Amino acid sequence: MTAAAFQAAGTMLDLLKAPVKARERRTGGACHERKALHQTLRRLLVDRFGSVPENFLQRIENITDADRLTTFVVQVWHVAAPEDLQL
């Protein structure tokens, strides 16, 4: 195999790996975003309402959609009680 063939094979392999690496970056980033949103929502609820039932906090932890979590973060200031959030 010539040097050009080795280089071409390496380039092809890099092209094949690119979508996998991009997906790993997106997934990792999304995971960190969800974790930060979970922590923020938990903190806001405790700051606003004092104690929050652990089973309610667990329901929040089970939410995987970052957009829903973001909506709840905003809604914390507009509800009278944590249970008013439509989880």
PDB file of N, CA and C in Angstrom:
ATOM      1  N   MET A   1       0.848  -1.166   0.000  1.00  0.00           N
ATOM      2  CA  MET A   1       0.000   0.000   0.000  1.00  0.00           C
ATOM      3  C   MET A   1       0.902   1.239   0.000  1.00  0.00           C
ATOM      4  N   THR A   2       0.544   2.198  -0.802  1.00  0.00           N
ATOM      5  CA  THR A   2       1.351   3.411  -0.917  1.00  0.00           C
ATOM      6  C   THR A   2       0.994   4.401   0.187  1.00  0.00           C
ATOM      7  N   ALA A   3       1.848   5.401   0.340  1.00  0.00           N
ATOM      8  CA  ALA A   3       1.608   6.433   1.342  1.00  0.00           C
ATOM      9  C   ALA A   3       0.292   7.156   1.059  1.00  0.00           C
ATOM     10  N   ALA A   4       0.003   7.380  -0.215  1.00  0.00           N
ATOM     11  CA  ALA A   4      -1.247   8.058  -0.584  1.00  0.00           C
ATOM     12  C   ALA A   4      -2.449   7.205  -0.205  1.00  0.00           C
ATOM     13  N   ALA A   5      -2.327   5.892  -0.385  1.00  0.00           N
ATOM     14  CA  ALA A   5      -3.424   4.984  -0.041  1.00  0.00           C
ATOM     15  C   ALA A   5      -3.642   4.965   1.470  1.00  0.00           C
ATOM     16  N   PHE A   6      -2.549   4.940   2.248  1.00  0.00           N
ATOM     17  CA  PHE A   6      -2.667   4.996   3.708  1.00  0.00           C
ATOM     18  C   PHE A   6      -3.341   6.300   4.144  1.00  0.00           C
ATOM     19  N   GLN A   7      -2.934   7.394   3.515  1.00  0.00           N
ATOM     20  CA  GLN A   7      -3.512   8.688   3.858  1.00  0.00           C
ATOM     21  C   GLN A   7      -5.002   8.710   3.519  1.00  0.00           C
ATOM     22  N   ALA A   8      -5.361   8.181   2.353  1.00  0.00           N
ATOM     23  CA  ALA A   8      -6.764   8.136   1.939  1.00  0.00           C
ATOM     24  C   ALA A   8      -7.574   7.264   2.900  1.00  0.00           C
ATOM     25  N   ALA A   9      -7.007   6.134   3.317  1.00  0.00           N
ATOM     26  CA  ALA A   9      -7.705   5.256   4.253  1.00  0.00           C
ATOM     27  C   ALA A   9      -7.907   5.959   5.594  1.00  0.00           C
ATOM     28  N   GLY A  10      -6.888   6.676   6.039  1.00  0.00           N
ATOM     29  CA  GLY A  10      -7.000   7.420   7.288  1.00  0.00           C
ATOM     30  C   GLY A  10      -8.057   8.509   7.198  1.00  0.00           C
ATOM     31  N   THR A  11      -8.119   9.188   6.075  1.00  0.00           N
ATOM     32  CA  THR A  11      -9.115  10.233   5.873  1.00  0.00           C
ATOM     33  C   THR A  11     -10.513   9.638   5.859  1.00  0.00           C
ATOM     34  N   MET A  12     -10.678   8.507   5.205  1.00  0.00           N
ATOM     35  CA  MET A  12     -11.982   7.840   5.162  1.00  0.00           C
ATOM     36  C   MET A  12     -12.416   7.432   6.568  1.00  0.00           C
ATOM     37  N   LEU A  13     -11.492   6.892   7.339  1.00  0.00           N
ATOM     38  CA  LEU A  13     -11.801   6.483   8.704  1.00  0.00           C
ATOM     39  C   LEU A  13     -12.214   7.693   9.541  1.00  0.00           C
ATOM     40  N   ASP A  14     -11.504   8.807   9.376  1.00  0.00           N
ATOM     41  CA  ASP A  14     -11.875  10.033  10.090  1.00  0.00           C
ATOM     42  C   ASP A  14     -13.274  10.496   9.706  1.00  0.00           C
ATOM     43  N   LEU A  15     -13.595  10.398   8.418  1.00  0.00           N
ATOM     44  CA  LEU A  15     -14.933  10.794   7.963  1.00  0.00           C
ATOM     45  C   LEU A  15     -16.015   9.897   8.571  1.00  0.00           C
ATOM     46  N   LEU A  16     -15.713   8.617   8.694  1.00  0.00           N
ATOM     47  CA  LEU A  16     -16.681   7.686   9.282  1.00  0.00           C
ATOM     48  C   LEU A  16     -16.860   7.925  10.779  1.00  0.00           C
ATOM     49  N   LYS A  17     -15.795   8.318  11.453  1.00  0.00           N
ATOM     50  CA  LYS A  17     -15.859   8.551  12.892  1.00  0.00           C
ATOM     51  C   LYS A  17     -16.507   9.884  13.242  1.00  0.00           C
ATOM     52  N   ALA A  18     -16.496  10.840  12.327  1.00  0.00           N
ATOM     53  CA  ALA A  18     -16.967  12.195  12.618  1.00  0.00           C
ATOM     54  C   ALA A  18     -18.399  12.231  13.166  1.00  0.00           C
ATOM     55  N   PRO A  19     -19.369  11.535  12.537  1.00  0.00           N
ATOM     56  CA  PRO A  19     -20.727  11.595  13.092  1.00  0.00           C
ATOM     57  C   PRO A  19     -20.822  11.009  14.500  1.00  0.00           C
ATOM     58  N   VAL A  20     -20.053   9.983  14.775  1.00  0.00           N
ATOM     59  CA  VAL A  20     -20.069   9.364  16.102  1.00  0.00           C
ATOM     60  C   VAL A  20     -19.516  10.344  17.125  1.00  0.00           C
ATOM     61  N   LYS A  21     -18.413  11.001  16.802  1.00  0.00           N
ATOM     62  CA  LYS A  21     -17.826  11.973  17.720  1.00  0.00           C
ATOM     63  C   LYS A  21     -18.764  13.153  17.931  1.00  0.00           C
ATOM     64  N   ALA A  22     -19.413  13.602  16.868  1.00  0.00           N
ATOM     65  CA  ALA A  22     -20.351  14.727  16.992  1.00  0.00           C
ATOM     66  C   ALA A  22     -21.525  14.333  17.888  1.00  0.00           C
ATOM     67  N   ARG A  23     -22.031  13.120  17.710  1.00  0.00           N
ATOM     68  CA  ARG A  23     -23.147  12.652  18.535  1.00  0.00           C
ATOM     69  C   ARG A  23     -22.718  12.555  19.990  1.00  0.00           C
ATOM     70  N   GLU A  24     -21.510  12.083  20.242  1.00  0.00           N
ATOM     71  CA  GLU A  24     -21.011  11.992  21.609  1.00  0.00           C
ATOM     72  C   GLU A  24     -20.921  13.386  22.237  1.00  0.00           C
ATOM     73  N   ARG A  25     -20.469  14.372  21.454  1.00  0.00           N
ATOM     74  CA  ARG A  25     -20.395  15.739  21.976  1.00  0.00           C
ATOM     75  C   ARG A  25     -21.785  16.279  22.275  1.00  0.00           C
ATOM     76  N   ARG A  26     -22.719  16.045  21.344  1.00  0.00           N
ATOM     77  CA  ARG A  26     -24.089  16.533  21.558  1.00  0.00           C
ATOM     78  C   ARG A  26     -24.717  15.857  22.765  1.00  0.00           C
ATOM     79  N   THR A  27     -24.571  14.559  22.878  1.00  0.00           N
ATOM     80  CA  THR A  27     -25.176  13.812  23.974  1.00  0.00           C
ATOM     81  C   THR A  27     -24.563  14.231  25.296  1.00  0.00           C
ATOM     82  N   GLY A  28     -23.249  14.351  25.333  1.00  0.00           N
ATOM     83  CA  GLY A  28     -22.583  14.778  26.559  1.00  0.00           C
ATOM     84  C   GLY A  28     -23.006  16.170  26.960  1.00  0.00           C
ATOM     85  N   GLY A  29     -23.094  17.056  25.995  1.00  0.00           N
ATOM     86  CA  GLY A  29     -23.522  18.420  26.272  1.00  0.00           C
ATOM     87  C   GLY A  29     -24.950  18.465  26.759  1.00  0.00           C
ATOM     88  N   ALA A  30     -25.808  17.670  26.141  1.00  0.00           N
ATOM     89  CA  ALA A  30     -27.210  17.627  26.556  1.00  0.00           C
ATOM     90  C   ALA A  30     -27.326  17.074  27.968  1.00  0.00           C
ATOM     91  N   CYS A  31     -26.508  16.104  28.288  1.00  0.00           N
ATOM     92  CA  CYS A  31     -26.524  15.520  29.633  1.00  0.00           C
ATOM     93  C   CYS A  31     -26.128  16.562  30.671  1.00  0.00           C
ATOM     94  N   HIS A  32     -25.106  17.333  30.378  1.00  0.00           N
ATOM     95  CA  HIS A  32     -24.659  18.382  31.300  1.00  0.00           C
ATOM     96  C   HIS A  32     -25.713  19.479  31.419  1.00  0.00           C
ATOM     97  N   GLU A  33     -26.361  19.784  30.307  1.00  0.00           N
ATOM     98  CA  GLU A  33     -27.410  20.810  30.334  1.00  0.00           C
ATOM     99  C   GLU A  33     -28.570  20.355  31.217  1.00  0.00           C
ATOM    100  N   ARG A  34     -29.001  19.111  31.048  1.00  0.00           N
ATOM    101  CA  ARG A  34     -30.101  18.588  31.876  1.00  0.00           C
ATOM    102  C   ARG A  34     -29.714  18.580  33.347  1.00  0.00           C
ATOM    103  N   LYS A  35     -28.495  18.176  33.633  1.00  0.00           N
ATOM    104  CA  LYS A  35     -28.041  18.141  35.022  1.00  0.00           C
ATOM    105  C   LYS A  35     -28.079  19.542  35.628  1.00  0.00           C
ATOM    106  N   ALA A  36     -27.607  20.533  34.879  1.00  0.00           N
ATOM    107  CA  ALA A  36     -27.616  21.911  35.363  1.00  0.00           C
ATOM    108  C   ALA A  36     -29.045  22.410  35.559  1.00  0.00           C
ATOM    109  N   LEU A  37     -29.936  22.058  34.647  1.00  0.00           N
ATOM    110  CA  LEU A  37     -31.332  22.471  34.785  1.00  0.00           C
ATOM    111  C   LEU A  37     -31.994  21.798  35.986  1.00  0.00           C
ATOM    112  N   HIS A  38     -31.706  20.519  36.196  1.00  0.00           N
ATOM    113  CA  HIS A  38     -32.233  19.824  37.377  1.00  0.00           C
ATOM    114  C   HIS A  38     -31.766  20.521  38.656  1.00  0.00           C
ATOM    115  N   GLN A  39     -30.494  20.827  38.718  1.00  0.00           N
ATOM    116  CA  GLN A  39     -29.942  21.479  39.910  1.00  0.00           C
ATOM    117  C   GLN A  39     -30.545  22.862  40.108  1.00  0.00           C
ATOM    118  N   THR A  40     -30.678  23.614  39.028  1.00  0.00           N
ATOM    119  CA  THR A  40     -31.249  24.951  39.105  1.00  0.00           C
ATOM    120  C   THR A  40     -32.697  24.897  39.580  1.00  0.00           C
ATOM    121  N   LEU A  41     -33.474  24.001  38.998  1.00  0.00           N
ATOM    122  CA  LEU A  41     -34.882  23.893  39.369  1.00  0.00           C
ATOM    123  C   LEU A  41     -35.032  23.475  40.829  1.00  0.00           C
ATOM    124  N   ARG A  42     -34.236  22.517  41.237  1.00  0.00           N
ATOM    125  CA  ARG A  42     -34.271  22.077  42.641  1.00  0.00           C
ATOM    126  C   ARG A  42     -33.942  23.258  43.567  1.00  0.00           C
ATOM    127  N   ARG A  43     -32.905  23.993  43.243  1.00  0.00           N
ATOM    128  CA  ARG A  43     -32.473  25.118  44.079  1.00  0.00           C
ATOM    129  C   ARG A  43     -33.535  26.207  44.144  1.00  0.00           C
ATOM    130  N   LEU A  44     -34.132  26.528  42.984  1.00  0.00           N
ATOM    131  CA  LEU A  44     -35.169  27.550  42.954  1.00  0.00           C
ATOM    132  C   LEU A  44     -36.384  27.135  43.772  1.00  0.00           C
ATOM    133  N   LEU A  45     -36.766  25.876  43.662  1.00  0.00           N
ATOM    134  CA  LEU A  45     -37.925  25.395  44.424  1.00  0.00           C
ATOM    135  C   LEU A  45     -37.669  25.483  45.926  1.00  0.00           C
ATOM    136  N   VAL A  46     -36.499  25.044  46.344  1.00  0.00           N
ATOM    137  CA  VAL A  46     -36.171  25.087  47.769  1.00  0.00           C
ATOM    138  C   VAL A  46     -36.064  26.533  48.249  1.00  0.00           C
ATOM    139  N   ASP A  47     -35.438  27.399  47.463  1.00  0.00           N
ATOM    140  CA  ASP A  47     -35.321  28.807  47.844  1.00  0.00           C
ATOM    141  C   ASP A  47     -36.691  29.485  47.935  1.00  0.00           C
ATOM    142  N   ARG A  48     -37.556  29.147  47.011  1.00  0.00           N
ATOM    143  CA  ARG A  48     -38.863  29.814  46.955  1.00  0.00           C
ATOM    144  C   ARG A  48     -39.853  29.253  47.971  1.00  0.00           C
ATOM    145  N   PHE A  49     -39.868  27.918  48.145  1.00  0.00           N
ATOM    146  CA  PHE A  49     -40.905  27.287  48.958  1.00  0.00           C
ATOM    147  C   PHE A  49     -40.393  26.640  50.243  1.00  0.00           C
ATOM    148  N   GLY A  50     -39.106  26.703  50.486  1.00  0.00           N
ATOM    149  CA  GLY A  50     -38.558  26.028  51.666  1.00  0.00           C
ATOM    150  C   GLY A  50     -38.362  24.556  51.352  1.00  0.00           C
ATOM    151  N   SER A  51     -38.960  23.715  52.129  1.00  0.00           N
ATOM    152  CA  SER A  51     -38.801  22.278  51.870  1.00  0.00           C
ATOM    153  C   SER A  51     -39.738  21.843  50.740  1.00  0.00           C
ATOM    154  N   VAL A  52     -39.245  20.920  49.941  1.00  0.00           N
ATOM    155  CA  VAL A  52     -40.015  20.356  48.831  1.00  0.00           C
ATOM    156  C   VAL A  52     -39.990  18.846  49.019  1.00  0.00           C
ATOM    157  N   PRO A  53     -41.149  18.174  48.914  1.00  0.00           N
ATOM    158  CA  PRO A  53     -41.178  16.721  49.114  1.00  0.00           C
ATOM    159  C   PRO A  53     -40.190  15.997  48.201  1.00  0.00           C
ATOM    160  N   GLU A  54     -39.498  15.040  48.771  1.00  0.00           N
ATOM    161  CA  GLU A  54     -38.480  14.298  48.022  1.00  0.00           C
ATOM    162  C   GLU A  54     -39.081  13.591  46.804  1.00  0.00           C
ATOM    163  N   ASN A  55     -40.307  13.066  46.936  1.00  0.00           N
ATOM    164  CA  ASN A  55     -40.911  12.384  45.784  1.00  0.00           C
ATOM    165  C   ASN A  55     -41.179  13.367  44.640  1.00  0.00           C
ATOM    166  N   PHE A  56     -41.465  14.622  44.967  1.00  0.00           N
ATOM    167  CA  PHE A  56     -41.647  15.649  43.945  1.00  0.00           C
ATOM    168  C   PHE A  56     -40.312  15.948  43.249  1.00  0.00           C
ATOM    169  N   LEU A  57     -39.257  16.064  44.043  1.00  0.00           N
ATOM    170  CA  LEU A  57     -37.926  16.301  43.469  1.00  0.00           C
ATOM    171  C   LEU A  57     -37.493  15.126  42.601  1.00  0.00           C
ATOM    172  N   GLN A  58     -37.867  13.919  42.981  1.00  0.00           N
ATOM    173  CA  GLN A  58     -37.534  12.736  42.176  1.00  0.00           C
ATOM    174  C   GLN A  58     -38.260  12.780  40.836  1.00  0.00           C
ATOM    175  N   ARG A  59     -39.495  13.247  40.843  1.00  0.00           N
ATOM    176  CA  ARG A  59     -40.238  13.375  39.579  1.00  0.00           C
ATOM    177  C   ARG A  59     -39.525  14.359  38.651  1.00  0.00           C
ATOM    178  N   ILE A  60     -38.979  15.426  39.218  1.00  0.00           N
ATOM    179  CA  ILE A  60     -38.226  16.389  38.421  1.00  0.00           C
ATOM    180  C   ILE A  60     -36.982  15.721  37.828  1.00  0.00           C
ATOM    181  N   GLU A  61     -36.279  14.942  38.638  1.00  0.00           N
ATOM    182  CA  GLU A  61     -35.059  14.264  38.171  1.00  0.00           C
ATOM    183  C   GLU A  61     -35.354  13.302  37.018  1.00  0.00           C
ATOM    184  N   ASN A  62     -36.576  12.803  36.936  1.00  0.00           N
ATOM    185  CA  ASN A  62     -36.943  11.854  35.884  1.00  0.00           C
ATOM    186  C   ASN A  62     -37.254  12.535  34.554  1.00  0.00           C
ATOM    187  N   ILE A  63     -37.350  13.849  34.541  1.00  0.00           N
ATOM    188  CA  ILE A  63     -37.620  14.580  33.304  1.00  0.00           C
ATOM    189  C   ILE A  63     -36.330  14.669  32.494  1.00  0.00           C
ATOM    190  N   THR A  64     -36.396  14.250  31.243  1.00  0.00           N
ATOM    191  CA  THR A  64     -35.201  14.238  30.398  1.00  0.00           C
ATOM    192  C   THR A  64     -35.227  15.315  29.310  1.00  0.00           C
ATOM    193  N   ASP A  65     -36.333  15.992  29.140  1.00  0.00           N
ATOM    194  CA  ASP A  65     -36.469  17.000  28.101  1.00  0.00           C
ATOM    195  C   ASP A  65     -36.006  18.363  28.635  1.00  0.00           C
ATOM    196  N   ALA A  66     -34.917  18.873  28.103  1.00  0.00           N
ATOM    197  CA  ALA A  66     -34.343  20.146  28.560  1.00  0.00           C
ATOM    198  C   ALA A  66     -35.314  21.305  28.364  1.00  0.00           C
ATOM    199  N   ASP A  67     -36.100  21.280  27.305  1.00  0.00           N
ATOM    200  CA  ASP A  67     -37.061  22.358  27.078  1.00  0.00           C
ATOM    201  C   ASP A  67     -38.134  22.381  28.168  1.00  0.00           C
ATOM    202  N   ARG A  68     -38.604  21.219  28.572  1.00  0.00           N
ATOM    203  CA  ARG A  68     -39.585  21.153  29.666  1.00  0.00           C
ATOM    204  C   ARG A  68     -38.976  21.669  30.962  1.00  0.00           C
ATOM    205  N   LEU A  69     -37.746  21.257  31.237  1.00  0.00           N
ATOM    206  CA  LEU A  69     -37.074  21.715  32.450  1.00  0.00           C
ATOM    207  C   LEU A  69     -36.917  23.228  32.447  1.00  0.00           C
ATOM    208  N   THR A  70     -36.556  23.790  31.317  1.00  0.00           N
ATOM    209  CA  THR A  70     -36.404  25.234  31.194  1.00  0.00           C
ATOM    210  C   THR A  70     -37.737  25.931  31.460  1.00  0.00           C
ATOM    211  N   THR A  71     -38.805  25.385  30.933  1.00  0.00           N
ATOM    212  CA  THR A  71     -40.140  25.940  31.174  1.00  0.00           C
ATOM    213  C   THR A  71     -40.456  25.948  32.658  1.00  0.00           C
ATOM    214  N   PHE A  72     -40.138  24.863  33.355  1.00  0.00           N
ATOM    215  CA  PHE A  72     -40.413  24.784  34.789  1.00  0.00           C
ATOM    216  C   PHE A  72     -39.563  25.779  35.580  1.00  0.00           C
ATOM    217  N   VAL A  73     -38.326  25.990  35.154  1.00  0.00           N
ATOM    218  CA  VAL A  73     -37.461  26.963  35.831  1.00  0.00           C
ATOM    219  C   VAL A  73     -38.118  28.344  35.781  1.00  0.00           C
ATOM    220  N   VAL A  74     -38.664  28.707  34.638  1.00  0.00           N
ATOM    221  CA  VAL A  74     -39.326  30.001  34.485  1.00  0.00           C
ATOM    222  C   VAL A  74     -40.626  30.036  35.301  1.00  0.00           C
ATOM    223  N   GLN A  75     -41.367  28.933  35.306  1.00  0.00           N
ATOM    224  CA  GLN A  75     -42.667  28.894  35.984  1.00  0.00           C
ATOM    225  C   GLN A  75     -42.567  28.931  37.504  1.00  0.00           C
ATOM    226  N   VAL A  76     -41.417  28.586  38.057  1.00  0.00           N
ATOM    227  CA  VAL A  76     -41.274  28.563  39.521  1.00  0.00           C
ATOM    228  C   VAL A  76     -41.739  29.883  40.127  1.00  0.00           C
ATOM    229  N   TRP A  77     -41.479  30.989  39.459  1.00  0.00           N
ATOM    230  CA  TRP A  77     -41.819  32.304  40.009  1.00  0.00           C
ATOM    231  C   TRP A  77     -43.277  32.666  39.814  1.00  0.00           C
ATOM    232  N   HIS A  78     -44.041  31.817  39.108  1.00  0.00           N
ATOM    233  CA  HIS A  78     -45.431  32.133  38.793  1.00  0.00           C
ATOM    234  C   HIS A  78     -46.427  31.165  39.414  1.00  0.00           C
ATOM    235  N   VAL A  79     -45.971  30.263  40.255  1.00  0.00           N
ATOM    236  CA  VAL A  79     -46.875  29.297  40.867  1.00  0.00           C
ATOM    237  C   VAL A  79     -46.934  29.547  42.381  1.00  0.00           C
ATOM    238  N   ALA A  80     -48.046  29.142  42.970  1.00  0.00           N
ATOM    239  CA  ALA A  80     -48.231  29.345  44.413  1.00  0.00           C
ATOM    240  C   ALA A  80     -47.604  28.219  45.231  1.00  0.00           C
ATOM    241  N   ALA A  81     -47.434  27.063  44.610  1.00  0.00           N
ATOM    242  CA  ALA A  81     -46.872  25.900  45.308  1.00  0.00           C
ATOM    243  C   ALA A  81     -46.171  25.015  44.285  1.00  0.00           C
ATOM    244  N   PRO A  82     -45.190  24.231  44.721  1.00  0.00           N
ATOM    245  CA  PRO A  82     -44.481  23.365  43.771  1.00  0.00           C
ATOM    246  C   PRO A  82     -45.427  22.445  43.000  1.00  0.00           C
ATOM    247  N   GLU A  83     -46.470  21.992  43.654  1.00  0.00           N
ATOM    248  CA  GLU A  83     -47.407  21.068  43.018  1.00  0.00           C
ATOM    249  C   GLU A  83     -48.153  21.713  41.859  1.00  0.00           C
ATOM    250  N   ASP A  84     -48.112  23.049  41.764  1.00  0.00           N
ATOM    251  CA  ASP A  84     -48.767  23.750  40.654  1.00  0.00           C
ATOM    252  C   ASP A  84     -48.006  23.606  39.340  1.00  0.00           C
ATOM    253  N   LEU A  85     -46.757  23.190  39.413  1.00  0.00           N
ATOM    254  CA  LEU A  85     -46.008  22.894  38.189  1.00  0.00           C
ATOM    255  C   LEU A  85     -46.607  21.629  37.580  1.00  0.00           C
ATOM    256  N   GLN A  86     -46.934  21.681  36.333  1.00  0.00           N
ATOM    257  CA  GLN A  86     -47.557  20.531  35.658  1.00  0.00           C
ATOM    258  C   GLN A  86     -46.465  19.582  35.142  1.00  0.00           C
ATOM    259  N   LEU A  87     -45.936  18.762  36.047  1.00  0.00           N
ATOM    260  CA  LEU A  87     -44.848  17.840  35.676  1.00  0.00           C
ATOM    261  C   LEU A  87     -45.352  16.703  34.829  1.00  0.00           C
TER     262      LEU A  87
END
